Amino acid sequence: MPSFSNKILLWYKVKRVNLYLRRMNEMIPVNLRSFKQKARYHKKTFRKFLTKLEKQPPKKIEIITAQVEKEVWKEIDCLSCANCCKTMTPTFTNTDIKRIAAHFKQTPDAFKKQWLKKDRIGDWLNKTEPCQFLNLKDNKCSIYEIRPADCSGFPHLPKRMKDFVHVHKQNIEYCPATYKMVEKMIKLEASPNPSKGGASQRTAPKVEK
């Protein structure tokens, strides 16, 4: 039978572990400098993992990614980051342009002339980064309700993993949420008993859609 002191020690250890787990799930502000350093260091490993995932997807991969995505959004606060708006550009569709131009009481041509440029393959992109509609004081989008479809879908975590692997390979360098999702999936794969933890069971670039 454990002594009183051992019971106290065990209680203290359990308390510390529980505190650590709570902190792991707390949403803390994104440190962009630290994120970019980690992304540069790990991008080769992460991309290799995503390639393997694309070629040999685990059973129930969509269920796994849905579970992981929920965990990611408990930890990542987009408003403390906005790196996508600062360093990337959406592709503006004709529907996007008409909708946003109407909001500013402009013609689509006037809106394009003021804010956009056409790239070599004919896509309409922002002329500058950060995005002209980003408020740099609070990282909020001034046209959030009518933003481009690319922006509203970014970073595409809920979508079919196999169809968006090529997008995630790019976004791990730009989006902490994408990085965190891949990081968690790698840890799950390395888990000694993945079935209990929900892990895999094996028997200015554009914002891409």
C-alpha atoms as a PDB file:
ATOM      1  CA  MET A   1       0.000   0.000   0.000  1.00  0.00           C
ATOM      2  CA  PRO A   2       1.505   3.366  -0.991  1.00  0.00           C
ATOM      3  CA  SER A   3       2.568   5.677   1.793  1.00  0.00           C
ATOM      4  CA  PHE A   4       0.950   9.031   2.401  1.00  0.00           C
ATOM      5  CA  SER A   5       3.958  10.826   0.894  1.00  0.00           C
ATOM      6  CA  ASN A   6       3.778   8.656  -2.225  1.00  0.00           C
ATOM      7  CA  LYS A   7       0.080   9.424  -2.537  1.00  0.00           C
ATOM      8  CA  ILE A   8       0.837  13.125  -2.340  1.00  0.00           C
ATOM      9  CA  LEU A   9       3.594  12.751  -4.922  1.00  0.00           C
ATOM     10  CA  LEU A  10       1.270  10.834  -7.243  1.00  0.00           C
ATOM     11  CA  TRP A  11      -1.464  13.451  -6.803  1.00  0.00           C
ATOM     12  CA  TYR A  12       1.048  16.199  -7.593  1.00  0.00           C
ATOM     13  CA  LYS A  13       2.214  14.416 -10.737  1.00  0.00           C
ATOM     14  CA  VAL A  14      -1.345  13.871 -11.943  1.00  0.00           C
ATOM     15  CA  LYS A  15      -2.149  17.522 -11.273  1.00  0.00           C
ATOM     16  CA  ARG A  16       0.889  18.632 -13.279  1.00  0.00           C
ATOM     17  CA  VAL A  17      -0.013  16.338 -16.171  1.00  0.00           C
ATOM     18  CA  ASN A  18      -3.602  17.634 -16.230  1.00  0.00           C
ATOM     19  CA  LEU A  19      -2.351  21.217 -16.153  1.00  0.00           C
ATOM     20  CA  TYR A  20       0.034  20.455 -19.025  1.00  0.00           C
ATOM     21  CA  LEU A  21      -2.772  18.899 -21.088  1.00  0.00           C
ATOM     22  CA  ARG A  22      -5.022  21.901 -20.478  1.00  0.00           C
ATOM     23  CA  ARG A  23      -2.284  24.264 -21.582  1.00  0.00           C
ATOM     24  CA  MET A  24      -1.653  22.164 -24.690  1.00  0.00           C
ATOM     25  CA  ASN A  25      -5.275  22.731 -25.689  1.00  0.00           C
ATOM     26  CA  GLU A  26      -5.362  26.429 -24.872  1.00  0.00           C
ATOM     27  CA  MET A  27      -5.533  28.874 -27.745  1.00  0.00           C
ATOM     28  CA  ILE A  28      -2.462  31.079 -27.608  1.00  0.00           C
ATOM     29  CA  PRO A  29      -1.446  33.873 -29.999  1.00  0.00           C
ATOM     30  CA  VAL A  30       0.524  32.785 -33.045  1.00  0.00           C
ATOM     31  CA  ASN A  31       4.201  33.737 -32.949  1.00  0.00           C
ATOM     32  CA  LEU A  32       4.823  34.211 -36.662  1.00  0.00           C
ATOM     33  CA  ARG A  33       8.589  34.394 -36.359  1.00  0.00           C
ATOM     34  CA  SER A  34       8.729  31.084 -34.482  1.00  0.00           C
ATOM     35  CA  PHE A  35       6.204  29.506 -36.866  1.00  0.00           C
ATOM     36  CA  LYS A  36       8.209  30.457 -39.952  1.00  0.00           C
ATOM     37  CA  GLN A  37      11.388  29.023 -38.436  1.00  0.00           C
ATOM     38  CA  LYS A  38       9.654  25.730 -37.615  1.00  0.00           C
ATOM     39  CA  ALA A  39       8.003  25.591 -41.037  1.00  0.00           C
ATOM     40  CA  ARG A  40      11.331  26.055 -42.830  1.00  0.00           C
ATOM     41  CA  TYR A  41      12.941  23.377 -40.687  1.00  0.00           C
ATOM     42  CA  HIS A  42      10.173  20.775 -40.999  1.00  0.00           C
ATOM     43  CA  LYS A  43       8.736  21.440 -44.473  1.00  0.00           C
ATOM     44  CA  LYS A  44      10.684  18.644 -46.173  1.00  0.00           C
ATOM     45  CA  THR A  45       9.535  16.075 -43.599  1.00  0.00           C
ATOM     46  CA  PHE A  46       5.954  17.342 -43.670  1.00  0.00           C
ATOM     47  CA  ARG A  47       5.776  17.284 -47.469  1.00  0.00           C
ATOM     48  CA  LYS A  48       7.188  13.778 -47.557  1.00  0.00           C
ATOM     49  CA  PHE A  49       4.490  12.702 -45.091  1.00  0.00           C
ATOM     50  CA  LEU A  50       1.757  14.333 -47.205  1.00  0.00           C
ATOM     51  CA  THR A  51       3.028  12.604 -50.342  1.00  0.00           C
ATOM     52  CA  LYS A  52       2.843   9.262 -48.546  1.00  0.00           C
ATOM     53  CA  LEU A  53      -0.634  10.141 -47.300  1.00  0.00           C
ATOM     54  CA  GLU A  54      -1.724  10.900 -50.846  1.00  0.00           C
ATOM     55  CA  LYS A  55      -0.377   7.632 -52.242  1.00  0.00           C
ATOM     56  CA  GLN A  56      -1.350   5.405 -49.316  1.00  0.00           C
ATOM     57  CA  PRO A  57      -4.211   7.051 -47.409  1.00  0.00           C
ATOM     58  CA  PRO A  58      -5.064   5.363 -44.098  1.00  0.00           C
ATOM     59  CA  LYS A  59      -8.447   3.786 -43.543  1.00  0.00           C
ATOM     60  CA  LYS A  60     -11.085   6.331 -42.474  1.00  0.00           C
ATOM     61  CA  ILE A  61      -8.755   9.196 -43.388  1.00  0.00           C
ATOM     62  CA  GLU A  62     -11.645  11.686 -43.643  1.00  0.00           C
ATOM     63  CA  ILE A  63     -12.857  10.808 -40.134  1.00  0.00           C
ATOM     64  CA  ILE A  64      -9.321  11.185 -38.801  1.00  0.00           C
ATOM     65  CA  THR A  65      -8.767  14.578 -40.440  1.00  0.00           C
ATOM     66  CA  ALA A  66     -12.147  15.831 -39.168  1.00  0.00           C
ATOM     67  CA  GLN A  67     -11.142  14.925 -35.608  1.00  0.00           C
ATOM     68  CA  VAL A  68      -7.717  16.508 -35.981  1.00  0.00           C
ATOM     69  CA  GLU A  69      -9.204  19.677 -37.469  1.00  0.00           C
ATOM     70  CA  LYS A  70     -11.383  20.188 -34.380  1.00  0.00           C
ATOM     71  CA  GLU A  71      -8.266  19.978 -32.197  1.00  0.00           C
ATOM     72  CA  VAL A  72      -6.410  22.420 -34.433  1.00  0.00           C
ATOM     73  CA  TRP A  73      -9.025  25.158 -34.097  1.00  0.00           C
ATOM     74  CA  LYS A  74      -8.904  24.870 -30.314  1.00  0.00           C
ATOM     75  CA  GLU A  75      -5.253  25.935 -30.498  1.00  0.00           C
ATOM     76  CA  ILE A  76      -4.911  28.305 -33.442  1.00  0.00           C
ATOM     77  CA  ASP A  77      -6.262  31.857 -33.306  1.00  0.00           C
ATOM     78  CA  CYS A  78      -6.436  33.262 -36.838  1.00  0.00           C
ATOM     79  CA  LEU A  79      -6.830  36.831 -35.609  1.00  0.00           C
ATOM     80  CA  SER A  80      -3.437  36.649 -33.931  1.00  0.00           C
ATOM     81  CA  CYS A  81      -1.897  35.600 -37.243  1.00  0.00           C
ATOM     82  CA  ALA A  82      -3.471  36.695 -40.569  1.00  0.00           C
ATOM     83  CA  ASN A  83      -0.326  35.505 -42.332  1.00  0.00           C
ATOM     84  CA  CYS A  84      -2.378  34.344 -45.310  1.00  0.00           C
ATOM     85  CA  CYS A  85      -3.717  37.892 -45.782  1.00  0.00           C
ATOM     86  CA  LYS A  86      -0.277  39.395 -45.284  1.00  0.00           C
ATOM     87  CA  THR A  87       1.777  37.178 -47.595  1.00  0.00           C
ATOM     88  CA  MET A  88      -0.617  35.447 -50.024  1.00  0.00           C
ATOM     89  CA  THR A  89      -3.289  36.490 -52.494  1.00  0.00           C
ATOM     90  CA  PRO A  90      -6.613  34.917 -53.336  1.00  0.00           C
ATOM     91  CA  THR A  91      -7.676  34.348 -56.914  1.00  0.00           C
ATOM     92  CA  PHE A  92     -10.668  36.610 -57.556  1.00  0.00           C
ATOM     93  CA  THR A  93     -13.345  34.914 -59.641  1.00  0.00           C
ATOM     94  CA  ASN A  94     -15.702  36.962 -61.833  1.00  0.00           C
ATOM     95  CA  THR A  95     -18.420  36.323 -59.248  1.00  0.00           C
ATOM     96  CA  ASP A  96     -16.136  37.621 -56.473  1.00  0.00           C
ATOM     97  CA  ILE A  97     -15.285  40.729 -58.467  1.00  0.00           C
ATOM     98  CA  LYS A  98     -18.917  41.577 -59.254  1.00  0.00           C
ATOM     99  CA  ARG A  99     -19.997  41.062 -55.639  1.00  0.00           C
ATOM    100  CA  ILE A 100     -17.193  43.090 -54.051  1.00  0.00           C
ATOM    101  CA  ALA A 101     -17.331  45.822 -56.710  1.00  0.00           C
ATOM    102  CA  ALA A 102     -21.057  46.249 -56.075  1.00  0.00           C
ATOM    103  CA  HIS A 103     -20.318  46.638 -52.355  1.00  0.00           C
ATOM    104  CA  PHE A 104     -18.042  49.597 -53.173  1.00  0.00           C
ATOM    105  CA  LYS A 105     -20.495  50.931 -55.799  1.00  0.00           C
ATOM    106  CA  GLN A 106     -17.923  50.353 -58.531  1.00  0.00           C
ATOM    107  CA  THR A 107     -18.065  48.633 -61.872  1.00  0.00           C
ATOM    108  CA  PRO A 108     -16.106  45.370 -62.072  1.00  0.00           C
ATOM    109  CA  ASP A 109     -13.628  47.037 -64.438  1.00  0.00           C
ATOM    110  CA  ALA A 110     -13.088  49.960 -62.067  1.00  0.00           C
ATOM    111  CA  PHE A 111     -12.561  47.573 -59.157  1.00  0.00           C
ATOM    112  CA  LYS A 112     -10.003  45.537 -61.113  1.00  0.00           C
ATOM    113  CA  LYS A 113      -8.171  48.662 -62.225  1.00  0.00           C
ATOM    114  CA  GLN A 114      -7.906  49.950 -58.661  1.00  0.00           C
ATOM    115  CA  TRP A 115      -7.024  46.770 -56.779  1.00  0.00           C
ATOM    116  CA  LEU A 116      -6.135  43.806 -58.987  1.00  0.00           C
ATOM    117  CA  LYS A 117      -3.629  42.559 -61.526  1.00  0.00           C
ATOM    118  CA  LYS A 118      -3.825  39.693 -64.002  1.00  0.00           C
ATOM    119  CA  ASP A 119      -1.145  37.018 -63.830  1.00  0.00           C
ATOM    120  CA  ARG A 120       0.419  35.123 -66.743  1.00  0.00           C
ATOM    121  CA  ILE A 121      -2.341  32.496 -66.794  1.00  0.00           C
ATOM    122  CA  GLY A 122      -5.138  35.048 -66.633  1.00  0.00           C
ATOM    123  CA  ASP A 123      -6.099  34.931 -62.949  1.00  0.00           C
ATOM    124  CA  TRP A 124      -7.016  38.129 -61.122  1.00  0.00           C
ATOM    125  CA  LEU A 125      -4.866  38.661 -58.021  1.00  0.00           C
ATOM    126  CA  ASN A 126      -4.204  41.414 -55.497  1.00  0.00           C
ATOM    127  CA  LYS A 127      -1.722  44.032 -56.641  1.00  0.00           C
ATOM    128  CA  THR A 128      -0.099  44.211 -53.226  1.00  0.00           C
ATOM    129  CA  GLU A 129       0.481  42.272 -50.037  1.00  0.00           C
ATOM    130  CA  PRO A 130      -0.710  42.595 -47.344  1.00  0.00           C
ATOM    131  CA  CYS A 131      -4.227  42.523 -48.725  1.00  0.00           C
ATOM    132  CA  GLN A 132      -5.744  45.972 -49.120  1.00  0.00           C
ATOM    133  CA  PHE A 133      -8.806  44.848 -47.170  1.00  0.00           C
ATOM    134  CA  LEU A 134      -6.855  43.695 -44.113  1.00  0.00           C
ATOM    135  CA  ASN A 135      -6.885  45.952 -41.059  1.00  0.00           C
ATOM    136  CA  LEU A 136      -3.331  45.565 -39.770  1.00  0.00           C
ATOM    137  CA  LYS A 137      -4.288  46.869 -36.333  1.00  0.00           C
ATOM    138  CA  ASP A 138      -6.593  43.977 -35.458  1.00  0.00           C
ATOM    139  CA  ASN A 139      -6.019  41.526 -38.347  1.00  0.00           C
ATOM    140  CA  LYS A 140      -9.683  41.689 -39.331  1.00  0.00           C
ATOM    141  CA  CYS A 141     -10.981  41.675 -42.888  1.00  0.00           C
ATOM    142  CA  SER A 142     -12.958  44.775 -43.822  1.00  0.00           C
ATOM    143  CA  ILE A 143     -15.016  42.805 -46.390  1.00  0.00           C
ATOM    144  CA  TYR A 144     -15.293  39.588 -44.386  1.00  0.00           C
ATOM    145  CA  GLU A 145     -18.958  38.915 -45.222  1.00  0.00           C
ATOM    146  CA  ILE A 146     -18.336  39.262 -48.979  1.00  0.00           C
ATOM    147  CA  ARG A 147     -14.707  38.117 -49.173  1.00  0.00           C
ATOM    148  CA  PRO A 148     -13.491  36.010 -52.130  1.00  0.00           C
ATOM    149  CA  ALA A 149     -14.373  32.314 -52.163  1.00  0.00           C
ATOM    150  CA  ASP A 150     -10.668  31.466 -51.895  1.00  0.00           C
ATOM    151  CA  CYS A 151     -10.491  33.332 -48.593  1.00  0.00           C
ATOM    152  CA  SER A 152     -13.674  31.873 -47.117  1.00  0.00           C
ATOM    153  CA  GLY A 153     -12.464  28.340 -47.884  1.00  0.00           C
ATOM    154  CA  PHE A 154      -8.899  28.799 -46.682  1.00  0.00           C
ATOM    155  CA  PRO A 155      -7.039  26.766 -45.402  1.00  0.00           C
ATOM    156  CA  HIS A 156      -9.296  23.971 -46.719  1.00  0.00           C
ATOM    157  CA  LEU A 157      -8.801  21.640 -43.762  1.00  0.00           C
ATOM    158  CA  PRO A 158     -12.322  20.130 -43.813  1.00  0.00           C
ATOM    159  CA  LYS A 159     -12.092  19.188 -47.488  1.00  0.00           C
ATOM    160  CA  ARG A 160     -11.124  15.782 -48.833  1.00  0.00           C
ATOM    161  CA  MET A 161      -7.520  15.291 -47.745  1.00  0.00           C
ATOM    162  CA  LYS A 162      -6.462  13.383 -50.854  1.00  0.00           C
ATOM    163  CA  ASP A 163      -7.781  16.126 -53.140  1.00  0.00           C
ATOM    164  CA  PHE A 164      -6.016  18.908 -51.228  1.00  0.00           C
ATOM    165  CA  VAL A 165      -2.623  17.397 -50.433  1.00  0.00           C
ATOM    166  CA  HIS A 166      -0.956  19.627 -53.045  1.00  0.00           C
ATOM    167  CA  VAL A 167      -2.511  22.683 -51.382  1.00  0.00           C
ATOM    168  CA  HIS A 168      -1.448  21.622 -47.889  1.00  0.00           C
ATOM    169  CA  LYS A 169       2.122  21.083 -49.137  1.00  0.00           C
ATOM    170  CA  GLN A 170       2.238  24.783 -50.008  1.00  0.00           C
ATOM    171  CA  ASN A 171       0.284  26.052 -47.032  1.00  0.00           C
ATOM    172  CA  ILE A 172       2.402  24.426 -44.315  1.00  0.00           C
ATOM    173  CA  GLU A 173       4.820  27.322 -44.878  1.00  0.00           C
ATOM    174  CA  TYR A 174       2.140  30.009 -44.658  1.00  0.00           C
ATOM    175  CA  CYS A 175      -0.634  28.775 -42.383  1.00  0.00           C
ATOM    176  CA  PRO A 176      -0.067  27.710 -38.749  1.00  0.00           C
ATOM    177  CA  ALA A 177      -3.371  25.783 -38.815  1.00  0.00           C
ATOM    178  CA  THR A 178      -2.232  23.667 -41.761  1.00  0.00           C
ATOM    179  CA  TYR A 179       1.149  23.150 -40.119  1.00  0.00           C
ATOM    180  CA  LYS A 180      -0.512  22.112 -36.855  1.00  0.00           C
ATOM    181  CA  MET A 181      -2.832  19.668 -38.625  1.00  0.00           C
ATOM    182  CA  VAL A 182       0.044  17.904 -40.396  1.00  0.00           C
ATOM    183  CA  GLU A 183       2.120  17.921 -37.211  1.00  0.00           C
ATOM    184  CA  LYS A 184      -0.699  16.246 -35.287  1.00  0.00           C
ATOM    185  CA  MET A 185      -1.249  13.641 -37.987  1.00  0.00           C
ATOM    186  CA  ILE A 186       2.445  12.750 -37.999  1.00  0.00           C
ATOM    187  CA  LYS A 187       2.325  12.308 -34.216  1.00  0.00           C
ATOM    188  CA  LEU A 188      -0.777  10.154 -34.511  1.00  0.00           C
ATOM    189  CA  GLU A 189       0.885   7.930 -37.072  1.00  0.00           C
ATOM    190  CA  ALA A 190       3.881   7.499 -34.767  1.00  0.00           C
ATOM    191  CA  SER A 191       1.647   6.617 -31.816  1.00  0.00           C
ATOM    192  CA  PRO A 192       2.352   3.079 -30.496  1.00  0.00           C
ATOM    193  CA  ASN A 193      -1.399   2.424 -30.168  1.00  0.00           C
ATOM    194  CA  PRO A 194      -3.057   4.615 -32.798  1.00  0.00           C
ATOM    195  CA  SER A 195      -6.492   3.027 -32.641  1.00  0.00           C
ATOM    196  CA  LYS A 196      -7.067   4.369 -29.106  1.00  0.00           C
ATOM    197  CA  GLY A 197      -5.990   7.881 -29.921  1.00  0.00           C
ATOM    198  CA  GLY A 198      -7.805   8.204 -33.221  1.00  0.00           C
ATOM    199  CA  ALA A 199      -4.575   7.940 -35.201  1.00  0.00           C
ATOM    200  CA  SER A 200      -4.122   6.548 -38.659  1.00  0.00           C
ATOM    201  CA  GLN A 201      -4.684   2.855 -38.964  1.00  0.00           C
ATOM    202  CA  ARG A 202      -2.670   1.236 -41.693  1.00  0.00           C
ATOM    203  CA  THR A 203      -3.225  -2.246 -42.808  1.00  0.00           C
ATOM    204  CA  ALA A 204       3.275  35.976 -52.408  1.00  0.00           C
ATOM    205  CA  PRO A 205       1.995  32.552 -53.783  1.00  0.00           C
ATOM    206  CA  LYS A 206      -1.692  32.171 -54.482  1.00  0.00           C
ATOM    207  CA  VAL A 207      -4.243  30.902 -52.055  1.00  0.00           C
ATOM    208  CA  GLU A 208      -5.144  27.698 -53.865  1.00  0.00           C
ATOM    209  CA  LYS A 209      -8.547  26.076 -54.085  1.00  0.00           C
END
